[in-house]
Structure formats: structure tokens, C-alpha cells
Amino acid sequence: MITIRAFDFPLSQAIAHAQDCVESGDFPCVLAMIGGVAGPSFRPLGASMFVMQDGTCFGGLSSGCIDGDVAQHAADVLKDNTPRKLRYGHGSPFMDIQLPCGGSLDIFLVPIRDIFQLQAVSDTITKRRAVTLLIDTDQGGVSAVPHSDDGQGTQLRVLPDARFVVFGAGVEASAFAAMAGSAGYDTVLLSPDTETLAAAQRTIPNLSTHHITQAAIPDDVAIDAHTAVTLFFHSHDWEADILVSVLKSQPFYIGAQGSLRTAAARIEALRAKGVDEADLARIKGPIGLIRSTRDPRTLAVSVLAEVLSFENTQGQV
């Protein structure tokens, strides 16, 4: 079983492109996927690229050193409708193509006879649900299967990308939300302070924001197991009630800004509200890899790095 994030499996973009190209009928394409890695690799095992009938590509398998060649081989796969496997790097017959990282890659090229048959899979990914796919490297084709580790064929588990729900007021909240959004992560900023919301939107105009008037999670803001929740408040009166609401869900990361003294006071306030020790242990604070920084931009980088590091070790669910 290979596990990747939705970012590395750009099916929705490929289907949208196909819809722009044809109004009806089949639209064949090729799934090119990293099926084997030895040594260092620029992209992870399972990273995929869709090569469309018109030659357009979505996704990537390298820093650019092999993608063009893979696309040319994919054109041949489209012609004969037969899967094939390519090797780059050590043991490759393509001696003129070198991998700068020094490793080797096995690339599976799998023809998909009609990409529109994967619309349901795309919808599942868009709705932030995990999906397991069976990649038929013998006959070609991709299909959704129940989540299983039974070793049947080549199975690819596609997980939702990390999502950020940011509560707070002040420059730290706006800086962090803007940084997460500019990095391409689905991000929503919630604040009782309209200037905080405006400051973030000046950096990321299309950033999702909510003006909140009470310490609660709005009904239209979803928190799932692939969500990180961060709090950036100077006035800590908002924190306890928000955290009580957040703890009712299962985000992979919950963290709040503040010093060690602030973090201890926060825990005591939650304990007084009846929050049990197991839930209290889920709350991180102080947050960030760089301790005691007072620069909002450095704090944003520090917290983003901590969250993504934690996701890589704990968030593969």
C-alpha cells in the first residue's frame, strides 16, 4: 500500500481539463506514477502525473529531469493501450537522462481509457475523504477499492491535504493564515477583529475568512482528521470556549500561541471547565519550532513547519 496526499494525485485538474476539451464521449489519458524508489528522490513514492490525450500534463514526477521523457512514452501508451514500466537512474536504459539526486525511479505508465469514469473518485477527494485505488499495471485502468492491505495489485491510498483553521486577533493570526494560504493550503481565518481579517486578505485576496462574534466554531467550518487548528490571541479570554468546541472533533494538531506561563494558565482554565487529561494533552503550547520569537513572520514559519512536521509523523490516517 502506497500512501500519498491529494496534492500528489491531481485527478480533479485532469478531469476539469478533459471536460474543457470534449463535451461527450471517452477521453483517454495515461497515469504516470512513481512505483519504486531507490536512494534519494525529489518526489515521494506514489507521486503521479496525468498525461492527457492532447499532451497536457498535470502533476510531476521530478524537478523536470524526466517528466518530458515520461510524457513522450505516455503518448506511445495511448497509441497501443498497453501499460509499461520505465526505469530512470541506476539500471536505466536511458543513459542520456540523469537523475541529479543520484537515485533511481521506477515509473508505471497505466492507460485510462475514459477518465470520466473516475469522476466519483475525484468527487471523493474534493470532499476531503480518503480513497484507496487499485492501479492495474497489467491491463491498465484505475478503480476505487475498499481500504485494504491485502496486497492485491498496486494499491494507492490518497489522503486529503492538510487544512488550516486559524483563530485569532492581531498580526500573528493574519501573518500565519496568509503564509499557510500562500503555500497553497486550504486555510480559513476566524477572528473577532475585522482588521485582522482585512490584513490577511490584503496578502491573499481570496483567503477564506469569518468574522466571529462568539467563541465557537461556525457551523460551516469543518474540522476533520486532516485539519490543523491554531489559535493566536493576545486576549486569552476567547481561547477556552473555542478549544472546548475544537476538542469535540479530531484535528491532527491543536496549538495555541503564548508563553509557558500562558500555556499553563490555559490548561488550568480548561481543566476548570471539565476537560479531561487526555484532551488536555492534545493541546500544544507554546507552539513553533523556534522558541520565544517575537517576529510575526518568523512565528508563522515556525508554527507552519511544526504543524507539517507533526503531520508527516502523526497525520497519516
C-alpha atoms as a PDB file:
ATOM      1  CA  MET A   1       0.000   0.000   0.000  1.00  0.00           C
ATOM      2  CA  ILE A   2       1.393   3.387  -1.064  1.00  0.00           C
ATOM      3  CA  THR A   3       0.035   6.455   0.746  1.00  0.00           C
ATOM      4  CA  ILE A   4       0.132   9.976  -0.678  1.00  0.00           C
ATOM      5  CA  ARG A   5      -1.679  13.271  -0.251  1.00  0.00           C
ATOM      6  CA  ALA A   6      -4.194  14.619  -2.758  1.00  0.00           C
ATOM      7  CA  PHE A   7      -1.635  17.233  -3.847  1.00  0.00           C
ATOM      8  CA  ASP A   8       0.413  14.430  -5.404  1.00  0.00           C
ATOM      9  CA  PHE A   9      -2.577  12.973  -7.286  1.00  0.00           C
ATOM     10  CA  PRO A  10      -4.024  15.813  -9.432  1.00  0.00           C
ATOM     11  CA  LEU A  11      -7.030  13.892 -10.758  1.00  0.00           C
ATOM     12  CA  SER A  12      -9.504  16.752 -10.373  1.00  0.00           C
ATOM     13  CA  GLN A  13      -7.391  19.063 -12.525  1.00  0.00           C
ATOM     14  CA  ALA A  14      -7.061  16.375 -15.200  1.00  0.00           C
ATOM     15  CA  ILE A  15     -10.827  15.781 -15.308  1.00  0.00           C
ATOM     16  CA  ALA A  16     -11.536  19.512 -15.477  1.00  0.00           C
ATOM     17  CA  HIS A  17      -9.174  19.797 -18.436  1.00  0.00           C
ATOM     18  CA  ALA A  18     -10.828  16.856 -20.163  1.00  0.00           C
ATOM     19  CA  GLN A  19     -14.235  18.472 -19.695  1.00  0.00           C
ATOM     20  CA  ASP A  20     -12.942  21.604 -21.396  1.00  0.00           C
ATOM     21  CA  CYS A  21     -11.684  19.537 -24.326  1.00  0.00           C
ATOM     22  CA  VAL A  22     -14.702  17.349 -25.014  1.00  0.00           C
ATOM     23  CA  GLU A  23     -18.390  17.645 -24.375  1.00  0.00           C
ATOM     24  CA  SER A  24     -19.175  13.948 -24.588  1.00  0.00           C
ATOM     25  CA  GLY A  25     -17.568  10.589 -25.228  1.00  0.00           C
ATOM     26  CA  ASP A  26     -14.434   8.970 -23.867  1.00  0.00           C
ATOM     27  CA  PHE A  27     -11.303  10.921 -23.030  1.00  0.00           C
ATOM     28  CA  PRO A  28      -8.279   8.627 -22.649  1.00  0.00           C
ATOM     29  CA  CYS A  29      -5.183   9.606 -20.704  1.00  0.00           C
ATOM     30  CA  VAL A  30      -2.222   7.967 -19.002  1.00  0.00           C
ATOM     31  CA  LEU A  31      -1.469   7.814 -15.299  1.00  0.00           C
ATOM     32  CA  ALA A  32       2.295   8.019 -14.745  1.00  0.00           C
ATOM     33  CA  MET A  33       3.132   7.104 -11.151  1.00  0.00           C
ATOM     34  CA  ILE A  34       6.332   6.633  -9.180  1.00  0.00           C
ATOM     35  CA  GLY A  35       6.046   2.962  -8.307  1.00  0.00           C
ATOM     36  CA  GLY A  36       9.529   2.375  -6.975  1.00  0.00           C
ATOM     37  CA  VAL A  37      12.306   4.485  -5.438  1.00  0.00           C
ATOM     38  CA  ALA A  38      15.887   3.593  -4.597  1.00  0.00           C
ATOM     39  CA  GLY A  39      18.050   6.216  -2.972  1.00  0.00           C
ATOM     40  CA  PRO A  40      17.108   9.916  -2.852  1.00  0.00           C
ATOM     41  CA  SER A  41      14.116  11.188  -4.806  1.00  0.00           C
ATOM     42  CA  PHE A  42      12.722  14.659  -5.473  1.00  0.00           C
ATOM     43  CA  ARG A  43       9.112  13.404  -5.324  1.00  0.00           C
ATOM     44  CA  PRO A  44       7.637  10.755  -2.989  1.00  0.00           C
ATOM     45  CA  LEU A  45       6.670   7.202  -3.812  1.00  0.00           C
ATOM     46  CA  GLY A  46       3.183   7.344  -5.346  1.00  0.00           C
ATOM     47  CA  ALA A  47       3.523  10.854  -6.782  1.00  0.00           C
ATOM     48  CA  SER A  48       1.577  10.937 -10.032  1.00  0.00           C
ATOM     49  CA  MET A  49       1.287  12.787 -13.305  1.00  0.00           C
ATOM     50  CA  PHE A  50      -1.673  12.615 -15.686  1.00  0.00           C
ATOM     51  CA  VAL A  51      -0.707  12.864 -19.350  1.00  0.00           C
ATOM     52  CA  MET A  52      -3.720  13.882 -21.387  1.00  0.00           C
ATOM     53  CA  GLN A  53      -4.692  12.968 -24.926  1.00  0.00           C
ATOM     54  CA  ASP A  54      -3.575  16.388 -26.185  1.00  0.00           C
ATOM     55  CA  GLY A  55      -0.203  16.152 -24.410  1.00  0.00           C
ATOM     56  CA  THR A  56      -1.096  18.397 -21.476  1.00  0.00           C
ATOM     57  CA  CYS A  57       0.338  17.155 -18.180  1.00  0.00           C
ATOM     58  CA  PHE A  58      -0.903  17.590 -14.620  1.00  0.00           C
ATOM     59  CA  GLY A  59       1.358  16.821 -11.680  1.00  0.00           C
ATOM     60  CA  GLY A  60       5.021  15.962 -11.712  1.00  0.00           C
ATOM     61  CA  LEU A  61       7.449  13.139 -11.029  1.00  0.00           C
ATOM     62  CA  SER A  62      10.708  15.053 -10.726  1.00  0.00           C
ATOM     63  CA  SER A  63      12.222  18.510 -10.739  1.00  0.00           C
ATOM     64  CA  GLY A  64      11.809  18.367 -14.512  1.00  0.00           C
ATOM     65  CA  CYS A  65      14.562  15.961 -15.464  1.00  0.00           C
ATOM     66  CA  ILE A  66      12.304  13.091 -16.582  1.00  0.00           C
ATOM     67  CA  ASP A  67       8.776  14.483 -16.933  1.00  0.00           C
ATOM     68  CA  GLY A  68       9.126  15.386 -20.611  1.00  0.00           C
ATOM     69  CA  ASP A  69      10.507  11.962 -21.491  1.00  0.00           C
ATOM     70  CA  VAL A  70       7.756  10.244 -19.496  1.00  0.00           C
ATOM     71  CA  ALA A  71       5.165  12.261 -21.437  1.00  0.00           C
ATOM     72  CA  GLN A  72       6.645  11.028 -24.723  1.00  0.00           C
ATOM     73  CA  HIS A  73       6.419   7.403 -23.567  1.00  0.00           C
ATOM     74  CA  ALA A  74       2.870   8.080 -22.382  1.00  0.00           C
ATOM     75  CA  ALA A  75       1.941   9.104 -25.923  1.00  0.00           C
ATOM     76  CA  ASP A  76       3.050   5.644 -27.096  1.00  0.00           C
ATOM     77  CA  VAL A  77       0.990   4.027 -24.307  1.00  0.00           C
ATOM     78  CA  LEU A  78      -2.052   5.931 -25.555  1.00  0.00           C
ATOM     79  CA  LYS A  79      -1.481   4.563 -29.044  1.00  0.00           C
ATOM     80  CA  ASP A  80      -1.134   0.883 -28.144  1.00  0.00           C
ATOM     81  CA  ASN A  81      -3.246   0.987 -24.940  1.00  0.00           C
ATOM     82  CA  THR A  82      -0.671  -1.152 -23.139  1.00  0.00           C
ATOM     83  CA  PRO A  83       0.843  -0.403 -19.723  1.00  0.00           C
ATOM     84  CA  ARG A  84       4.581  -0.224 -19.401  1.00  0.00           C
ATOM     85  CA  LYS A  85       7.251   0.371 -16.784  1.00  0.00           C
ATOM     86  CA  LEU A  86      10.183   2.735 -17.111  1.00  0.00           C
ATOM     87  CA  ARG A  87      13.402   2.884 -15.089  1.00  0.00           C
ATOM     88  CA  TYR A  88      15.430   6.062 -14.663  1.00  0.00           C
ATOM     89  CA  GLY A  89      18.737   6.344 -12.864  1.00  0.00           C
ATOM     90  CA  HIS A  90      20.792   3.284 -11.870  1.00  0.00           C
ATOM     91  CA  GLY A  91      19.995   0.373 -14.183  1.00  0.00           C
ATOM     92  CA  SER A  92      18.140   2.525 -16.702  1.00  0.00           C
ATOM     93  CA  PRO A  93      18.488   2.011 -20.465  1.00  0.00           C
ATOM     94  CA  PHE A  94      18.124   5.787 -20.885  1.00  0.00           C
ATOM     95  CA  MET A  95      21.756   6.643 -20.203  1.00  0.00           C
ATOM     96  CA  ASP A  96      21.341  10.166 -21.599  1.00  0.00           C
ATOM     97  CA  ILE A  97      18.847  11.037 -18.836  1.00  0.00           C
ATOM     98  CA  GLN A  98      20.496  11.511 -15.471  1.00  0.00           C
ATOM     99  CA  LEU A  99      18.807  11.986 -12.109  1.00  0.00           C
ATOM    100  CA  PRO A 100      20.616  14.814 -10.276  1.00  0.00           C
ATOM    101  CA  CYS A 101      19.571  13.363  -6.922  1.00  0.00           C
ATOM    102  CA  GLY A 102      21.528  10.191  -7.693  1.00  0.00           C
ATOM    103  CA  GLY A 103      18.781   7.654  -7.015  1.00  0.00           C
ATOM    104  CA  SER A 104      16.619   5.584  -9.310  1.00  0.00           C
ATOM    105  CA  LEU A 105      12.922   5.667 -10.132  1.00  0.00           C
ATOM    106  CA  ASP A 106      10.506   3.100 -11.485  1.00  0.00           C
ATOM    107  CA  ILE A 107       7.626   4.773 -13.307  1.00  0.00           C
ATOM    108  CA  PHE A 108       4.384   2.931 -14.038  1.00  0.00           C
ATOM    109  CA  LEU A 109       2.510   4.105 -17.128  1.00  0.00           C
ATOM    110  CA  VAL A 110      -1.115   2.994 -16.937  1.00  0.00           C
ATOM    111  CA  PRO A 111      -3.633   3.832 -19.674  1.00  0.00           C
ATOM    112  CA  ILE A 112      -7.009   5.102 -18.506  1.00  0.00           C
ATOM    113  CA  ARG A 113      -9.493   4.516 -21.285  1.00  0.00           C
ATOM    114  CA  ASP A 114     -12.053   7.017 -20.006  1.00  0.00           C
ATOM    115  CA  ILE A 115     -11.028   9.494 -17.325  1.00  0.00           C
ATOM    116  CA  PHE A 116     -14.652  10.484 -16.758  1.00  0.00           C
ATOM    117  CA  GLN A 117     -15.218   7.090 -15.145  1.00  0.00           C
ATOM    118  CA  LEU A 118     -13.071   8.420 -12.287  1.00  0.00           C
ATOM    119  CA  GLN A 119     -15.376  11.377 -11.606  1.00  0.00           C
ATOM    120  CA  ALA A 120     -16.684   9.701  -8.429  1.00  0.00           C
ATOM    121  CA  VAL A 121     -13.115   9.261  -7.219  1.00  0.00           C
ATOM    122  CA  SER A 122     -12.410  12.920  -7.923  1.00  0.00           C
ATOM    123  CA  ASP A 123     -15.548  13.932  -6.024  1.00  0.00           C
ATOM    124  CA  THR A 124     -14.444  11.859  -3.038  1.00  0.00           C
ATOM    125  CA  ILE A 125     -11.049  13.576  -2.981  1.00  0.00           C
ATOM    126  CA  THR A 126     -12.657  17.007  -3.368  1.00  0.00           C
ATOM    127  CA  LYS A 127     -14.889  16.267  -0.370  1.00  0.00           C
ATOM    128  CA  ARG A 128     -11.753  15.586   1.695  1.00  0.00           C
ATOM    129  CA  ARG A 129     -12.322  11.881   2.041  1.00  0.00           C
ATOM    130  CA  ALA A 130      -9.591   9.275   1.784  1.00  0.00           C
ATOM    131  CA  VAL A 131      -9.839   6.835  -1.093  1.00  0.00           C
ATOM    132  CA  THR A 132      -7.938   3.650  -1.974  1.00  0.00           C
ATOM    133  CA  LEU A 133      -7.250   2.970  -5.639  1.00  0.00           C
ATOM    134  CA  LEU A 134      -6.219  -0.202  -7.394  1.00  0.00           C
ATOM    135  CA  ILE A 135      -3.716   0.565 -10.137  1.00  0.00           C
ATOM    136  CA  ASP A 136      -3.873  -2.175 -12.762  1.00  0.00           C
ATOM    137  CA  THR A 137      -0.323  -2.254 -14.096  1.00  0.00           C
ATOM    138  CA  ASP A 138      -1.022  -5.354 -16.211  1.00  0.00           C
ATOM    139  CA  GLN A 139      -4.178  -4.463 -18.138  1.00  0.00           C
ATOM    140  CA  GLY A 140      -4.453  -0.755 -17.479  1.00  0.00           C
ATOM    141  CA  GLY A 141      -7.052   1.241 -15.594  1.00  0.00           C
ATOM    142  CA  VAL A 142      -7.665   2.663 -12.136  1.00  0.00           C
ATOM    143  CA  SER A 143     -10.543   1.785  -9.821  1.00  0.00           C
ATOM    144  CA  ALA A 144     -11.602   2.553  -6.259  1.00  0.00           C
ATOM    145  CA  VAL A 145     -11.490  -0.379  -3.853  1.00  0.00           C
ATOM    146  CA  PRO A 146     -12.196  -0.819  -0.118  1.00  0.00           C
ATOM    147  CA  HIS A 147      -9.309   0.239   2.102  1.00  0.00           C
ATOM    148  CA  SER A 148      -7.232  -2.898   2.414  1.00  0.00           C
ATOM    149  CA  ASP A 149      -3.678  -4.046   2.987  1.00  0.00           C
ATOM    150  CA  ASP A 150      -4.232  -7.474   1.438  1.00  0.00           C
ATOM    151  CA  GLY A 151      -1.524  -6.896  -1.166  1.00  0.00           C
ATOM    152  CA  GLN A 152      -3.922  -7.060  -4.130  1.00  0.00           C
ATOM    153  CA  GLY A 153      -2.218  -5.368  -7.079  1.00  0.00           C
ATOM    154  CA  THR A 154      -0.719  -1.916  -6.656  1.00  0.00           C
ATOM    155  CA  GLN A 155      -2.849  -0.027  -4.146  1.00  0.00           C
ATOM    156  CA  LEU A 156      -2.613   3.726  -3.763  1.00  0.00           C
ATOM    157  CA  ARG A 157      -4.154   5.395  -0.712  1.00  0.00           C
ATOM    158  CA  VAL A 158      -4.963   9.067  -1.410  1.00  0.00           C
ATOM    159  CA  LEU A 159      -5.431  11.185   1.719  1.00  0.00           C
ATOM    160  CA  PRO A 160      -6.830  14.716   1.912  1.00  0.00           C
ATOM    161  CA  ASP A 161      -4.301  17.532   2.025  1.00  0.00           C
ATOM    162  CA  ALA A 162      -3.642  19.307   5.290  1.00  0.00           C
ATOM    163  CA  ARG A 163      -6.122  22.085   6.055  1.00  0.00           C
ATOM    164  CA  PHE A 164      -5.692  25.003   8.459  1.00  0.00           C
ATOM    165  CA  VAL A 165      -8.368  26.548  10.667  1.00  0.00           C
ATOM    166  CA  VAL A 166      -6.872  29.636  12.270  1.00  0.00           C
ATOM    167  CA  PHE A 167      -8.459  31.539  15.164  1.00  0.00           C
ATOM    168  CA  GLY A 168      -7.011  34.777  16.491  1.00  0.00           C
ATOM    169  CA  ALA A 169      -6.683  38.527  16.537  1.00  0.00           C
ATOM    170  CA  GLY A 170      -3.641  40.555  15.634  1.00  0.00           C
ATOM    171  CA  VAL A 171      -0.723  40.445  13.255  1.00  0.00           C
ATOM    172  CA  GLU A 172       0.345  36.915  14.255  1.00  0.00           C
ATOM    173  CA  ALA A 173      -3.006  35.444  13.220  1.00  0.00           C
ATOM    174  CA  SER A 174      -3.113  37.303   9.907  1.00  0.00           C
ATOM    175  CA  ALA A 175       0.542  36.507   9.126  1.00  0.00           C
ATOM    176  CA  PHE A 176       0.120  32.801   9.800  1.00  0.00           C
ATOM    177  CA  ALA A 177      -3.122  32.478   7.812  1.00  0.00           C
ATOM    178  CA  ALA A 178      -1.603  34.384   4.897  1.00  0.00           C
ATOM    179  CA  MET A 179       1.518  32.204   4.929  1.00  0.00           C
ATOM    180  CA  ALA A 180      -0.434  28.931   5.016  1.00  0.00           C
ATOM    181  CA  GLY A 181      -2.723  30.187   2.267  1.00  0.00           C
ATOM    182  CA  SER A 182       0.140  31.399   0.091  1.00  0.00           C
ATOM    183  CA  ALA A 183       1.764  27.959   0.431  1.00  0.00           C
ATOM    184  CA  GLY A 184      -1.328  26.525  -1.247  1.00  0.00           C
ATOM    185  CA  TYR A 185      -3.042  25.012   1.777  1.00  0.00           C
ATOM    186  CA  ASP A 186      -6.791  25.296   2.241  1.00  0.00           C
ATOM    187  CA  THR A 187      -6.952  27.882   5.021  1.00  0.00           C
ATOM    188  CA  VAL A 188      -9.723  29.690   6.862  1.00  0.00           C
ATOM    189  CA  LEU A 189      -9.123  32.579   9.279  1.00  0.00           C
ATOM    190  CA  LEU A 190     -11.667  33.306  12.018  1.00  0.00           C
ATOM    191  CA  SER A 191     -11.384  36.465  14.093  1.00  0.00           C
ATOM    192  CA  PRO A 192     -13.477  38.881  16.163  1.00  0.00           C
ATOM    193  CA  ASP A 193     -11.256  41.655  14.774  1.00  0.00           C
ATOM    194  CA  THR A 194     -12.101  42.884  11.268  1.00  0.00           C
ATOM    195  CA  GLU A 195      -8.656  44.452  10.775  1.00  0.00           C
ATOM    196  CA  THR A 196      -7.026  41.052  11.334  1.00  0.00           C
ATOM    197  CA  LEU A 197      -9.205  39.616   8.572  1.00  0.00           C
ATOM    198  CA  ALA A 198      -8.514  42.566   6.260  1.00  0.00           C
ATOM    199  CA  ALA A 199      -4.746  42.341   6.813  1.00  0.00           C
ATOM    200  CA  ALA A 200      -4.666  38.677   5.787  1.00  0.00           C
ATOM    201  CA  GLN A 201      -6.814  39.344   2.720  1.00  0.00           C
ATOM    202  CA  ARG A 202      -4.511  42.139   1.593  1.00  0.00           C
ATOM    203  CA  THR A 203      -1.845  39.446   1.225  1.00  0.00           C
ATOM    204  CA  ILE A 204      -4.135  36.650  -0.027  1.00  0.00           C
ATOM    205  CA  PRO A 205      -7.224  38.293  -1.593  1.00  0.00           C
ATOM    206  CA  ASN A 206      -9.164  35.030  -1.940  1.00  0.00           C
ATOM    207  CA  LEU A 207      -8.399  33.780   1.580  1.00  0.00           C
ATOM    208  CA  SER A 208     -11.481  32.383   3.321  1.00  0.00           C
ATOM    209  CA  THR A 209     -12.345  34.458   6.395  1.00  0.00           C
ATOM    210  CA  HIS A 210     -15.049  34.551   9.055  1.00  0.00           C
ATOM    211  CA  HIS A 211     -15.887  37.400  11.380  1.00  0.00           C
ATOM    212  CA  ILE A 212     -16.883  35.698  14.638  1.00  0.00           C
ATOM    213  CA  THR A 213     -18.749  37.347  17.493  1.00  0.00           C
ATOM    214  CA  GLN A 214     -18.633  34.457  19.919  1.00  0.00           C
ATOM    215  CA  ALA A 215     -16.050  31.892  20.995  1.00  0.00           C
ATOM    216  CA  ALA A 216     -17.366  28.989  18.927  1.00  0.00           C
ATOM    217  CA  ILE A 217     -16.849  27.227  15.621  1.00  0.00           C
ATOM    218  CA  PRO A 218     -19.306  28.345  12.918  1.00  0.00           C
ATOM    219  CA  ASP A 219     -21.457  25.553  11.517  1.00  0.00           C
ATOM    220  CA  ASP A 220     -19.988  25.935   8.023  1.00  0.00           C
ATOM    221  CA  VAL A 221     -16.370  25.469   9.164  1.00  0.00           C
ATOM    222  CA  ALA A 222     -15.500  21.787   9.075  1.00  0.00           C
ATOM    223  CA  ILE A 223     -12.707  20.236  11.120  1.00  0.00           C
ATOM    224  CA  ASP A 224     -11.628  16.728  10.168  1.00  0.00           C
ATOM    225  CA  ALA A 225      -8.724  14.423  10.966  1.00  0.00           C
ATOM    226  CA  HIS A 226      -6.560  16.178   8.373  1.00  0.00           C
ATOM    227  CA  THR A 227      -7.108  19.655   9.826  1.00  0.00           C
ATOM    228  CA  ALA A 228      -4.727  21.671  11.994  1.00  0.00           C
ATOM    229  CA  VAL A 229      -6.293  24.196  14.379  1.00  0.00           C
ATOM    230  CA  THR A 230      -4.154  27.083  15.613  1.00  0.00           C
ATOM    231  CA  LEU A 231      -5.011  29.928  17.988  1.00  0.00           C
ATOM    232  CA  PHE A 232      -3.248  33.306  18.005  1.00  0.00           C
ATOM    233  CA  PHE A 233      -4.826  35.502  20.674  1.00  0.00           C
ATOM    234  CA  HIS A 234      -3.296  38.130  22.946  1.00  0.00           C
ATOM    235  CA  SER A 235      -6.529  38.359  24.899  1.00  0.00           C
ATOM    236  CA  HIS A 236      -6.853  34.778  26.074  1.00  0.00           C
ATOM    237  CA  ASP A 237     -10.486  35.094  27.145  1.00  0.00           C
ATOM    238  CA  TRP A 238     -11.528  33.670  23.762  1.00  0.00           C
ATOM    239  CA  GLU A 239      -9.402  30.565  23.968  1.00  0.00           C
ATOM    240  CA  ALA A 240     -11.050  28.242  26.468  1.00  0.00           C
ATOM    241  CA  ASP A 241     -14.507  28.111  24.861  1.00  0.00           C
ATOM    242  CA  ILE A 242     -13.040  27.788  21.372  1.00  0.00           C
ATOM    243  CA  LEU A 243     -10.802  24.932  22.486  1.00  0.00           C
ATOM    244  CA  VAL A 244     -13.687  23.136  24.185  1.00  0.00           C
ATOM    245  CA  SER A 245     -15.503  23.195  20.838  1.00  0.00           C
ATOM    246  CA  VAL A 246     -12.409  22.143  18.894  1.00  0.00           C
ATOM    247  CA  LEU A 247     -11.765  19.189  21.212  1.00  0.00           C
ATOM    248  CA  LYS A 248     -15.117  17.710  20.200  1.00  0.00           C
ATOM    249  CA  SER A 249     -13.584  16.996  16.789  1.00  0.00           C
ATOM    250  CA  GLN A 250     -10.401  15.144  15.865  1.00  0.00           C
ATOM    251  CA  PRO A 251      -7.929  17.517  14.179  1.00  0.00           C
ATOM    252  CA  PHE A 252      -4.422  16.091  13.909  1.00  0.00           C
ATOM    253  CA  TYR A 253      -2.958  19.218  15.503  1.00  0.00           C
ATOM    254  CA  ILE A 254      -4.254  21.745  18.066  1.00  0.00           C
ATOM    255  CA  GLY A 255      -1.949  24.527  19.194  1.00  0.00           C
ATOM    256  CA  ALA A 256      -2.174  27.947  20.818  1.00  0.00           C
ATOM    257  CA  GLN A 257       0.223  30.896  20.946  1.00  0.00           C
ATOM    258  CA  GLY A 258       1.664  32.035  24.245  1.00  0.00           C
ATOM    259  CA  SER A 259       4.447  31.621  26.773  1.00  0.00           C
ATOM    260  CA  LEU A 260       4.899  28.670  29.095  1.00  0.00           C
ATOM    261  CA  ARG A 261       3.059  30.610  31.794  1.00  0.00           C
ATOM    262  CA  THR A 262       0.192  31.378  29.391  1.00  0.00           C
ATOM    263  CA  ALA A 263       0.026  27.747  28.278  1.00  0.00           C
ATOM    264  CA  ALA A 264      -0.163  26.560  31.895  1.00  0.00           C
ATOM    265  CA  ALA A 265      -2.943  29.062  32.686  1.00  0.00           C
ATOM    266  CA  ARG A 266      -4.815  27.924  29.569  1.00  0.00           C
ATOM    267  CA  ILE A 267      -4.689  24.296  30.678  1.00  0.00           C
ATOM    268  CA  GLU A 268      -5.952  25.217  34.159  1.00  0.00           C
ATOM    269  CA  ALA A 269      -8.852  27.175  32.656  1.00  0.00           C
ATOM    270  CA  LEU A 270      -9.817  24.169  30.542  1.00  0.00           C
ATOM    271  CA  ARG A 271      -9.436  21.798  33.456  1.00  0.00           C
ATOM    272  CA  ALA A 272     -11.828  24.010  35.426  1.00  0.00           C
ATOM    273  CA  LYS A 273     -14.329  23.588  32.581  1.00  0.00           C
ATOM    274  CA  GLY A 274     -14.190  19.810  32.996  1.00  0.00           C
ATOM    275  CA  VAL A 275     -11.864  18.938  30.118  1.00  0.00           C
ATOM    276  CA  ASP A 276     -10.204  15.601  30.849  1.00  0.00           C
ATOM    277  CA  GLU A 277      -6.465  14.983  30.894  1.00  0.00           C
ATOM    278  CA  ALA A 278      -6.424  13.054  27.623  1.00  0.00           C
ATOM    279  CA  ASP A 279      -7.927  16.015  25.768  1.00  0.00           C
ATOM    280  CA  LEU A 280      -5.690  18.499  27.569  1.00  0.00           C
ATOM    281  CA  ALA A 281      -2.684  16.536  26.307  1.00  0.00           C
ATOM    282  CA  ARG A 282      -3.827  17.150  22.722  1.00  0.00           C
ATOM    283  CA  ILE A 283      -3.257  20.906  23.050  1.00  0.00           C
ATOM    284  CA  LYS A 284       0.222  22.154  22.198  1.00  0.00           C
ATOM    285  CA  GLY A 285       1.693  25.304  23.620  1.00  0.00           C
ATOM    286  CA  PRO A 286       3.945  27.150  23.308  1.00  0.00           C
ATOM    287  CA  ILE A 287       3.874  26.458  19.571  1.00  0.00           C
ATOM    288  CA  GLY A 288       6.536  26.675  16.884  1.00  0.00           C
ATOM    289  CA  LEU A 289       9.948  25.157  16.318  1.00  0.00           C
ATOM    290  CA  ILE A 290      11.657  28.463  17.115  1.00  0.00           C
ATOM    291  CA  ARG A 291      11.023  29.300  20.743  1.00  0.00           C
ATOM    292  CA  SER A 292      10.301  32.792  22.074  1.00  0.00           C
ATOM    293  CA  THR A 293      10.338  34.545  18.709  1.00  0.00           C
ATOM    294  CA  ARG A 294       8.643  37.941  18.703  1.00  0.00           C
ATOM    295  CA  ASP A 295       8.562  38.490  14.957  1.00  0.00           C
ATOM    296  CA  PRO A 296       5.155  37.527  13.457  1.00  0.00           C
ATOM    297  CA  ARG A 297       6.680  36.291  10.202  1.00  0.00           C
ATOM    298  CA  THR A 298       9.223  34.110  11.974  1.00  0.00           C
ATOM    299  CA  LEU A 299       6.474  32.778  14.216  1.00  0.00           C
ATOM    300  CA  ALA A 300       4.352  31.943  11.164  1.00  0.00           C
ATOM    301  CA  VAL A 301       7.205  29.998   9.559  1.00  0.00           C
ATOM    302  CA  SER A 302       7.998  28.327  12.874  1.00  0.00           C
ATOM    303  CA  VAL A 303       4.434  27.155  13.510  1.00  0.00           C
ATOM    304  CA  LEU A 304       3.831  26.083   9.906  1.00  0.00           C
ATOM    305  CA  ALA A 305       6.989  23.965   9.983  1.00  0.00           C
ATOM    306  CA  GLU A 306       5.961  22.396  13.293  1.00  0.00           C
ATOM    307  CA  VAL A 307       2.473  21.529  12.061  1.00  0.00           C
ATOM    308  CA  LEU A 308       3.688  19.978   8.817  1.00  0.00           C
ATOM    309  CA  SER A 309       6.408  18.055  10.637  1.00  0.00           C
ATOM    310  CA  PHE A 310       3.785  16.722  13.029  1.00  0.00           C
ATOM    311  CA  GLU A 311       1.510  15.805  10.122  1.00  0.00           C
ATOM    312  CA  ASN A 312       4.258  13.764   8.492  1.00  0.00           C
ATOM    313  CA  THR A 313       4.767  11.703  11.626  1.00  0.00           C
ATOM    314  CA  GLN A 314       1.238  11.557  13.075  1.00  0.00           C
ATOM    315  CA  GLY A 315      -1.263  12.515  10.395  1.00  0.00           C
ATOM    316  CA  GLN A 316      -1.154   9.504   8.054  1.00  0.00           C
ATOM    317  CA  VAL A 317      -4.682   8.270   8.839  1.00  0.00           C
END
